[in-house]
């Protein structure tokens, strides 16, 4: 556990970074006065690390514009889903050549109309574990249940002429327990009917990168980021960890 390990590091008087065993130790002052890139072996104390909570180290990164953003929490997604549920599914967009649609009304006091569109392959419905579905009007709880049964889930809403993705603050795709996000700045969302090109492939894989590409989404990647402040008797050095 990295968090526990870091706490232990702080309790020790000295922490040795064990990389580059063939190199002799270099003082931090020498490193800060040198030009990069270089390789060094240091003997230093860990003064601080950020963030303090490990889950806060996970961010979303856009490789196109190089932006970093926080991973939205479930309340943000829930709020967007509730907003989209206010738009009733458009029956004129149901049962096309490339998907079959099923609708029903919830029994709760404030009734909701839900539509699920099952994407077909060779004009046939596939096994659930191979199927991409598009959902209108579902709650967060309902969508998570669907991700356990179907390969991919895309939350959508109706317009007059087509189904469209929700606000990109929400994940545009859910696959298993992973939520996939698009960069608001670099994405140019395309009509959902573009997915029919993947459905027409010989063996649709429904890979997130391919789905993002046909929908005009610049896919954000989950990255792990931490900042360490290291000190010795000659000075201090900030070290950054950035990894996919």
C-alpha atoms as a PDB file:
ATOM      1  CA  UNK A   1       0.000   0.000   0.000  1.00  0.00           C
ATOM      2  CA  UNK A   2       1.684   3.174  -1.227  1.00  0.00           C
ATOM      3  CA  UNK A   3       0.049   5.474   1.332  1.00  0.00           C
ATOM      4  CA  UNK A   4       1.232   3.292   4.222  1.00  0.00           C
ATOM      5  CA  UNK A   5       4.678   3.039   2.643  1.00  0.00           C
ATOM      6  CA  UNK A   6       4.940   6.816   2.367  1.00  0.00           C
ATOM      7  CA  UNK A   7       3.911   7.245   6.012  1.00  0.00           C
ATOM      8  CA  UNK A   8       6.645   4.787   6.989  1.00  0.00           C
ATOM      9  CA  UNK A   9       9.132   6.733   4.873  1.00  0.00           C
ATOM     10  CA  UNK A  10       8.332   9.887   6.801  1.00  0.00           C
ATOM     11  CA  UNK A  11       8.960   8.116  10.089  1.00  0.00           C
ATOM     12  CA  UNK A  12      12.450   6.966   9.036  1.00  0.00           C
ATOM     13  CA  UNK A  13      15.352   9.402   9.419  1.00  0.00           C
ATOM     14  CA  UNK A  14      16.647   8.638   5.929  1.00  0.00           C
ATOM     15  CA  UNK A  15      15.093   7.003   2.888  1.00  0.00           C
ATOM     16  CA  UNK A  16      17.359   5.588   0.187  1.00  0.00           C
ATOM     17  CA  UNK A  17      16.070   5.468  -3.384  1.00  0.00           C
ATOM     18  CA  UNK A  18      17.621   2.242  -4.580  1.00  0.00           C
ATOM     19  CA  UNK A  19      17.741   2.903  -8.326  1.00  0.00           C
ATOM     20  CA  UNK A  20      21.104   3.391 -10.090  1.00  0.00           C
ATOM     21  CA  UNK A  21      23.149   1.305  -7.652  1.00  0.00           C
ATOM     22  CA  UNK A  22      26.178   1.794  -9.893  1.00  0.00           C
ATOM     23  CA  UNK A  23      26.161   5.558  -9.208  1.00  0.00           C
ATOM     24  CA  UNK A  24      27.546   7.294  -6.142  1.00  0.00           C
ATOM     25  CA  UNK A  25      25.229   9.531  -4.089  1.00  0.00           C
ATOM     26  CA  UNK A  26      24.780  13.092  -5.335  1.00  0.00           C
ATOM     27  CA  UNK A  27      23.786  16.042  -3.147  1.00  0.00           C
ATOM     28  CA  UNK A  28      20.475  17.710  -3.985  1.00  0.00           C
ATOM     29  CA  UNK A  29      22.192  21.087  -4.400  1.00  0.00           C
ATOM     30  CA  UNK A  30      24.310  19.638  -7.207  1.00  0.00           C
ATOM     31  CA  UNK A  31      21.218  18.229  -8.916  1.00  0.00           C
ATOM     32  CA  UNK A  32      19.293  21.517  -8.781  1.00  0.00           C
ATOM     33  CA  UNK A  33      22.282  23.318 -10.316  1.00  0.00           C
ATOM     34  CA  UNK A  34      22.678  20.786 -13.145  1.00  0.00           C
ATOM     35  CA  UNK A  35      20.980  20.747 -16.536  1.00  0.00           C
ATOM     36  CA  UNK A  36      18.524  17.976 -17.393  1.00  0.00           C
ATOM     37  CA  UNK A  37      18.329  15.182 -18.352  1.00  0.00           C
ATOM     38  CA  UNK A  38      20.728  13.367 -16.010  1.00  0.00           C
ATOM     39  CA  UNK A  39      20.632  10.233 -13.899  1.00  0.00           C
ATOM     40  CA  UNK A  40      21.471  10.441 -10.209  1.00  0.00           C
ATOM     41  CA  UNK A  41      21.358   8.362  -7.082  1.00  0.00           C
ATOM     42  CA  UNK A  42      20.382  10.318  -3.993  1.00  0.00           C
ATOM     43  CA  UNK A  43      20.246   9.847  -0.254  1.00  0.00           C
ATOM     44  CA  UNK A  44      17.489  12.067   1.087  1.00  0.00           C
ATOM     45  CA  UNK A  45      14.648  12.445   3.541  1.00  0.00           C
ATOM     46  CA  UNK A  46      11.007  12.635   2.435  1.00  0.00           C
ATOM     47  CA  UNK A  47       9.668  15.887   3.865  1.00  0.00           C
ATOM     48  CA  UNK A  48       6.154  15.916   2.358  1.00  0.00           C
ATOM     49  CA  UNK A  49       4.062  14.279  -0.316  1.00  0.00           C
ATOM     50  CA  UNK A  50       0.889  15.414  -2.064  1.00  0.00           C
ATOM     51  CA  UNK A  51      -1.927  14.607  -2.289  1.00  0.00           C
ATOM     52  CA  UNK A  52      -2.352  13.200   1.197  1.00  0.00           C
ATOM     53  CA  UNK A  53      -5.172  10.841   0.180  1.00  0.00           C
ATOM     54  CA  UNK A  54      -4.183   8.303  -2.443  1.00  0.00           C
ATOM     55  CA  UNK A  55      -7.462   8.398  -4.415  1.00  0.00           C
ATOM     56  CA  UNK A  56      -6.863  12.116  -5.087  1.00  0.00           C
ATOM     57  CA  UNK A  57      -3.770  11.169  -7.100  1.00  0.00           C
ATOM     58  CA  UNK A  58      -5.892   9.842  -9.955  1.00  0.00           C
ATOM     59  CA  UNK A  59      -6.655  12.496 -12.601  1.00  0.00           C
ATOM     60  CA  UNK A  60      -7.879  12.623 -16.195  1.00  0.00           C
ATOM     61  CA  UNK A  61      -5.333  13.672 -18.828  1.00  0.00           C
ATOM     62  CA  UNK A  62      -5.847  14.798 -22.426  1.00  0.00           C
ATOM     63  CA  UNK A  63      -2.833  13.929 -24.556  1.00  0.00           C
ATOM     64  CA  UNK A  64      -3.944  16.425 -27.244  1.00  0.00           C
ATOM     65  CA  UNK A  65      -4.171  19.654 -25.213  1.00  0.00           C
ATOM     66  CA  UNK A  66      -2.153  18.266 -22.263  1.00  0.00           C
ATOM     67  CA  UNK A  67      -4.809  19.347 -19.760  1.00  0.00           C
ATOM     68  CA  UNK A  68      -5.410  17.663 -16.418  1.00  0.00           C
ATOM     69  CA  UNK A  69      -8.732  17.524 -14.632  1.00  0.00           C
ATOM     70  CA  UNK A  70     -10.315  15.938 -11.600  1.00  0.00           C
ATOM     71  CA  UNK A  71     -12.268  12.715 -12.055  1.00  0.00           C
ATOM     72  CA  UNK A  72     -15.961  13.698 -11.660  1.00  0.00           C
ATOM     73  CA  UNK A  73     -17.681  12.073  -8.701  1.00  0.00           C
ATOM     74  CA  UNK A  74     -20.834   9.948  -8.859  1.00  0.00           C
ATOM     75  CA  UNK A  75     -23.030  12.889  -7.756  1.00  0.00           C
ATOM     76  CA  UNK A  76     -22.029  14.865 -10.888  1.00  0.00           C
ATOM     77  CA  UNK A  77     -22.996  11.932 -13.111  1.00  0.00           C
ATOM     78  CA  UNK A  78     -26.247  11.378 -11.207  1.00  0.00           C
ATOM     79  CA  UNK A  79     -27.185  15.062 -11.607  1.00  0.00           C
ATOM     80  CA  UNK A  80     -26.632  14.940 -15.394  1.00  0.00           C
ATOM     81  CA  UNK A  81     -28.663  11.713 -15.684  1.00  0.00           C
ATOM     82  CA  UNK A  82     -31.552  13.261 -13.734  1.00  0.00           C
ATOM     83  CA  UNK A  83     -31.452  16.281 -16.057  1.00  0.00           C
ATOM     84  CA  UNK A  84     -31.572  14.140 -19.194  1.00  0.00           C
ATOM     85  CA  UNK A  85     -34.429  12.024 -17.767  1.00  0.00           C
ATOM     86  CA  UNK A  86     -36.639  15.106 -18.113  1.00  0.00           C
ATOM     87  CA  UNK A  87     -36.590  14.625 -21.916  1.00  0.00           C
ATOM     88  CA  UNK A  88     -38.901  11.789 -22.958  1.00  0.00           C
ATOM     89  CA  UNK A  89     -37.492   9.308 -25.511  1.00  0.00           C
ATOM     90  CA  UNK A  90     -38.460  10.193 -29.083  1.00  0.00           C
ATOM     91  CA  UNK A  91     -40.401   7.170 -30.500  1.00  0.00           C
ATOM     92  CA  UNK A  92     -39.483   8.199 -34.059  1.00  0.00           C
ATOM     93  CA  UNK A  93     -35.870   7.260 -33.270  1.00  0.00           C
ATOM     94  CA  UNK A  94     -36.711   3.719 -32.154  1.00  0.00           C
ATOM     95  CA  UNK A  95     -36.036   0.448 -34.009  1.00  0.00           C
ATOM     96  CA  UNK A  96     -33.711   1.484 -36.801  1.00  0.00           C
ATOM     97  CA  UNK A  97     -31.786  -0.794 -39.173  1.00  0.00           C
ATOM     98  CA  UNK A  98     -28.885  -1.040 -36.698  1.00  0.00           C
ATOM     99  CA  UNK A  99     -30.542  -1.139 -33.256  1.00  0.00           C
ATOM    100  CA  UNK A 100     -33.697  -2.475 -31.591  1.00  0.00           C
ATOM    101  CA  UNK A 101     -35.476  -0.405 -28.950  1.00  0.00           C
ATOM    102  CA  UNK A 102     -37.437  -1.311 -25.818  1.00  0.00           C
ATOM    103  CA  UNK A 103     -39.259   1.234 -23.644  1.00  0.00           C
ATOM    104  CA  UNK A 104     -41.068   1.050 -20.338  1.00  0.00           C
ATOM    105  CA  UNK A 105     -42.438   3.384 -17.656  1.00  0.00           C
ATOM    106  CA  UNK A 106     -41.244   3.156 -14.064  1.00  0.00           C
ATOM    107  CA  UNK A 107     -43.757   2.424 -11.303  1.00  0.00           C
ATOM    108  CA  UNK A 108     -42.444   5.074  -8.906  1.00  0.00           C
ATOM    109  CA  UNK A 109     -44.532   8.119  -7.971  1.00  0.00           C
ATOM    110  CA  UNK A 110     -42.732  10.435 -10.375  1.00  0.00           C
ATOM    111  CA  UNK A 111     -42.891   8.174 -13.412  1.00  0.00           C
ATOM    112  CA  UNK A 112     -39.964   8.048 -15.821  1.00  0.00           C
ATOM    113  CA  UNK A 113     -39.866   6.662 -19.322  1.00  0.00           C
ATOM    114  CA  UNK A 114     -36.747   4.598 -20.032  1.00  0.00           C
ATOM    115  CA  UNK A 115     -35.567   3.439 -23.458  1.00  0.00           C
ATOM    116  CA  UNK A 116     -32.819   0.931 -24.174  1.00  0.00           C
ATOM    117  CA  UNK A 117     -31.472   0.602 -27.707  1.00  0.00           C
ATOM    118  CA  UNK A 118     -29.711  -2.704 -28.415  1.00  0.00           C
ATOM    119  CA  UNK A 119     -27.154  -2.376 -31.219  1.00  0.00           C
ATOM    120  CA  UNK A 120     -27.470  -5.238 -33.734  1.00  0.00           C
ATOM    121  CA  UNK A 121     -24.844  -7.050 -35.787  1.00  0.00           C
ATOM    122  CA  UNK A 122     -25.799  -8.577 -39.158  1.00  0.00           C
ATOM    123  CA  UNK A 123     -29.394  -7.559 -38.325  1.00  0.00           C
ATOM    124  CA  UNK A 124     -29.271  -9.879 -35.299  1.00  0.00           C
ATOM    125  CA  UNK A 125     -29.060  -9.207 -31.571  1.00  0.00           C
ATOM    126  CA  UNK A 126     -25.849 -10.566 -30.048  1.00  0.00           C
ATOM    127  CA  UNK A 127     -25.250 -12.185 -26.666  1.00  0.00           C
ATOM    128  CA  UNK A 128     -25.491  -9.558 -23.877  1.00  0.00           C
ATOM    129  CA  UNK A 129     -21.757  -9.868 -23.086  1.00  0.00           C
ATOM    130  CA  UNK A 130     -20.991  -8.833 -26.720  1.00  0.00           C
ATOM    131  CA  UNK A 131     -23.651  -6.116 -27.020  1.00  0.00           C
ATOM    132  CA  UNK A 132     -23.444  -2.330 -26.886  1.00  0.00           C
ATOM    133  CA  UNK A 133     -26.583  -0.655 -25.591  1.00  0.00           C
ATOM    134  CA  UNK A 134     -27.652   2.995 -25.495  1.00  0.00           C
ATOM    135  CA  UNK A 135     -29.783   4.092 -22.538  1.00  0.00           C
ATOM    136  CA  UNK A 136     -32.198   7.012 -22.222  1.00  0.00           C
ATOM    137  CA  UNK A 137     -33.724   8.110 -18.919  1.00  0.00           C
ATOM    138  CA  UNK A 138     -31.897   5.657 -16.649  1.00  0.00           C
ATOM    139  CA  UNK A 139     -30.662   6.441 -13.145  1.00  0.00           C
ATOM    140  CA  UNK A 140     -27.109   5.829 -11.988  1.00  0.00           C
ATOM    141  CA  UNK A 141     -28.184   2.672 -10.151  1.00  0.00           C
ATOM    142  CA  UNK A 142     -29.979   1.319 -13.228  1.00  0.00           C
ATOM    143  CA  UNK A 143     -27.037   2.050 -15.511  1.00  0.00           C
ATOM    144  CA  UNK A 144     -24.587   0.278 -13.177  1.00  0.00           C
ATOM    145  CA  UNK A 145     -26.849  -2.786 -13.220  1.00  0.00           C
ATOM    146  CA  UNK A 146     -26.793  -2.758 -17.027  1.00  0.00           C
ATOM    147  CA  UNK A 147     -22.973  -2.531 -17.141  1.00  0.00           C
ATOM    148  CA  UNK A 148     -22.823  -5.840 -15.239  1.00  0.00           C
ATOM    149  CA  UNK A 149     -24.822  -7.570 -17.967  1.00  0.00           C
ATOM    150  CA  UNK A 150     -23.864  -5.854 -21.233  1.00  0.00           C
ATOM    151  CA  UNK A 151     -20.445  -5.237 -22.769  1.00  0.00           C
ATOM    152  CA  UNK A 152     -20.772  -1.453 -23.191  1.00  0.00           C
ATOM    153  CA  UNK A 153     -23.326   1.153 -22.128  1.00  0.00           C
ATOM    154  CA  UNK A 154     -23.652   4.636 -23.642  1.00  0.00           C
ATOM    155  CA  UNK A 155     -25.999   7.115 -21.906  1.00  0.00           C
ATOM    156  CA  UNK A 156     -27.892   9.151 -24.541  1.00  0.00           C
ATOM    157  CA  UNK A 157     -30.873  11.472 -24.969  1.00  0.00           C
ATOM    158  CA  UNK A 158     -33.264  12.138 -27.856  1.00  0.00           C
ATOM    159  CA  UNK A 159     -33.270  15.095 -30.196  1.00  0.00           C
ATOM    160  CA  UNK A 160     -35.637  15.621 -33.122  1.00  0.00           C
ATOM    161  CA  UNK A 161     -33.385  13.795 -35.590  1.00  0.00           C
ATOM    162  CA  UNK A 162     -30.996  11.540 -33.669  1.00  0.00           C
ATOM    163  CA  UNK A 163     -29.801  10.221 -30.359  1.00  0.00           C
ATOM    164  CA  UNK A 164     -26.988  12.284 -28.867  1.00  0.00           C
ATOM    165  CA  UNK A 165     -24.412  11.974 -26.109  1.00  0.00           C
ATOM    166  CA  UNK A 166     -24.949  13.705 -22.777  1.00  0.00           C
ATOM    167  CA  UNK A 167     -22.811  16.595 -21.544  1.00  0.00           C
ATOM    168  CA  UNK A 168     -19.154  15.508 -21.604  1.00  0.00           C
ATOM    169  CA  UNK A 169     -18.965  16.114 -17.853  1.00  0.00           C
ATOM    170  CA  UNK A 170     -20.585  12.677 -17.772  1.00  0.00           C
ATOM    171  CA  UNK A 171     -18.841   9.545 -19.045  1.00  0.00           C
ATOM    172  CA  UNK A 172     -19.730   8.961 -22.698  1.00  0.00           C
ATOM    173  CA  UNK A 173     -19.166   5.211 -22.259  1.00  0.00           C
ATOM    174  CA  UNK A 174     -19.233   2.662 -19.434  1.00  0.00           C
ATOM    175  CA  UNK A 175     -17.544  -0.698 -19.844  1.00  0.00           C
ATOM    176  CA  UNK A 176     -17.492  -3.046 -16.858  1.00  0.00           C
ATOM    177  CA  UNK A 177     -16.645  -0.883 -13.851  1.00  0.00           C
ATOM    178  CA  UNK A 178     -14.681   1.689 -15.891  1.00  0.00           C
ATOM    179  CA  UNK A 179     -16.108   5.077 -16.882  1.00  0.00           C
ATOM    180  CA  UNK A 180     -14.648   6.683 -20.025  1.00  0.00           C
ATOM    181  CA  UNK A 181     -14.579  10.475 -20.405  1.00  0.00           C
ATOM    182  CA  UNK A 182     -13.964  12.820 -23.316  1.00  0.00           C
ATOM    183  CA  UNK A 183     -12.088  16.135 -23.363  1.00  0.00           C
ATOM    184  CA  UNK A 184     -14.579  19.008 -23.585  1.00  0.00           C
ATOM    185  CA  UNK A 185     -12.008  21.238 -25.265  1.00  0.00           C
ATOM    186  CA  UNK A 186     -10.755  18.830 -27.941  1.00  0.00           C
ATOM    187  CA  UNK A 187     -13.866  16.727 -28.682  1.00  0.00           C
ATOM    188  CA  UNK A 188     -16.301  17.472 -31.494  1.00  0.00           C
ATOM    189  CA  UNK A 189     -19.178  15.072 -30.762  1.00  0.00           C
ATOM    190  CA  UNK A 190     -20.666  13.441 -33.854  1.00  0.00           C
ATOM    191  CA  UNK A 191     -24.126  11.868 -34.284  1.00  0.00           C
ATOM    192  CA  UNK A 192     -24.598   8.577 -32.446  1.00  0.00           C
ATOM    193  CA  UNK A 193     -25.611   6.921 -35.751  1.00  0.00           C
ATOM    194  CA  UNK A 194     -21.882   6.871 -36.592  1.00  0.00           C
ATOM    195  CA  UNK A 195     -21.701   3.824 -34.304  1.00  0.00           C
ATOM    196  CA  UNK A 196     -23.448   1.843 -37.056  1.00  0.00           C
ATOM    197  CA  UNK A 197     -20.089   1.711 -38.888  1.00  0.00           C
ATOM    198  CA  UNK A 198     -18.616  -0.371 -36.030  1.00  0.00           C
ATOM    199  CA  UNK A 199     -21.744  -2.554 -35.855  1.00  0.00           C
ATOM    200  CA  UNK A 200     -21.221  -3.333 -39.555  1.00  0.00           C
ATOM    201  CA  UNK A 201     -17.700  -4.694 -38.957  1.00  0.00           C
ATOM    202  CA  UNK A 202     -17.160  -8.441 -39.271  1.00  0.00           C
ATOM    203  CA  UNK A 203     -16.463  -8.840 -35.531  1.00  0.00           C
ATOM    204  CA  UNK A 204     -17.314  -5.638 -33.637  1.00  0.00           C
ATOM    205  CA  UNK A 205     -14.990  -5.368 -30.628  1.00  0.00           C
ATOM    206  CA  UNK A 206     -16.553  -2.218 -29.150  1.00  0.00           C
ATOM    207  CA  UNK A 207     -13.174  -0.963 -27.984  1.00  0.00           C
ATOM    208  CA  UNK A 208     -13.372   2.444 -26.213  1.00  0.00           C
ATOM    209  CA  UNK A 209     -10.721   3.998 -28.502  1.00  0.00           C
ATOM    210  CA  UNK A 210     -12.670   3.011 -31.638  1.00  0.00           C
ATOM    211  CA  UNK A 211     -15.992   4.140 -30.163  1.00  0.00           C
ATOM    212  CA  UNK A 212     -14.425   7.486 -29.174  1.00  0.00           C
ATOM    213  CA  UNK A 213     -13.003   7.962 -32.671  1.00  0.00           C
ATOM    214  CA  UNK A 214     -16.281   7.443 -34.547  1.00  0.00           C
ATOM    215  CA  UNK A 215     -18.129   9.668 -32.055  1.00  0.00           C
ATOM    216  CA  UNK A 216     -15.585  12.510 -32.410  1.00  0.00           C
ATOM    217  CA  UNK A 217     -14.426  12.181 -28.795  1.00  0.00           C
ATOM    218  CA  UNK A 218     -10.868  12.892 -27.659  1.00  0.00           C
ATOM    219  CA  UNK A 219     -10.487  10.175 -25.056  1.00  0.00           C
ATOM    220  CA  UNK A 220      -9.175  11.190 -21.637  1.00  0.00           C
ATOM    221  CA  UNK A 221      -6.755   8.803 -19.938  1.00  0.00           C
ATOM    222  CA  UNK A 222      -6.584   8.042 -16.240  1.00  0.00           C
ATOM    223  CA  UNK A 223      -3.201   9.085 -14.855  1.00  0.00           C
ATOM    224  CA  UNK A 224      -1.552   8.767 -11.448  1.00  0.00           C
ATOM    225  CA  UNK A 225       0.193  11.898 -10.177  1.00  0.00           C
ATOM    226  CA  UNK A 226       2.116  12.598  -6.974  1.00  0.00           C
ATOM    227  CA  UNK A 227       4.550  15.262  -5.784  1.00  0.00           C
ATOM    228  CA  UNK A 228       7.329  14.434  -3.325  1.00  0.00           C
ATOM    229  CA  UNK A 229       9.540  16.993  -1.585  1.00  0.00           C
ATOM    230  CA  UNK A 230      12.947  15.457  -0.809  1.00  0.00           C
ATOM    231  CA  UNK A 231      15.564  17.112   1.427  1.00  0.00           C
ATOM    232  CA  UNK A 232      19.173  16.615   2.472  1.00  0.00           C
ATOM    233  CA  UNK A 233      21.612  18.897   4.260  1.00  0.00           C
ATOM    234  CA  UNK A 234      22.329  20.810   1.007  1.00  0.00           C
ATOM    235  CA  UNK A 235      18.816  21.672  -0.179  1.00  0.00           C
ATOM    236  CA  UNK A 236      15.426  20.387  -1.308  1.00  0.00           C
ATOM    237  CA  UNK A 237      14.070  18.905  -4.506  1.00  0.00           C
ATOM    238  CA  UNK A 238      10.524  18.421  -5.800  1.00  0.00           C
ATOM    239  CA  UNK A 239      10.022  15.069  -7.522  1.00  0.00           C
ATOM    240  CA  UNK A 240       6.919  14.371  -9.598  1.00  0.00           C
ATOM    241  CA  UNK A 241       5.442  10.994 -10.448  1.00  0.00           C
ATOM    242  CA  UNK A 242       3.241  10.877 -13.563  1.00  0.00           C
ATOM    243  CA  UNK A 243       2.178   7.507 -14.928  1.00  0.00           C
ATOM    244  CA  UNK A 244      -0.639   5.873 -16.873  1.00  0.00           C
END
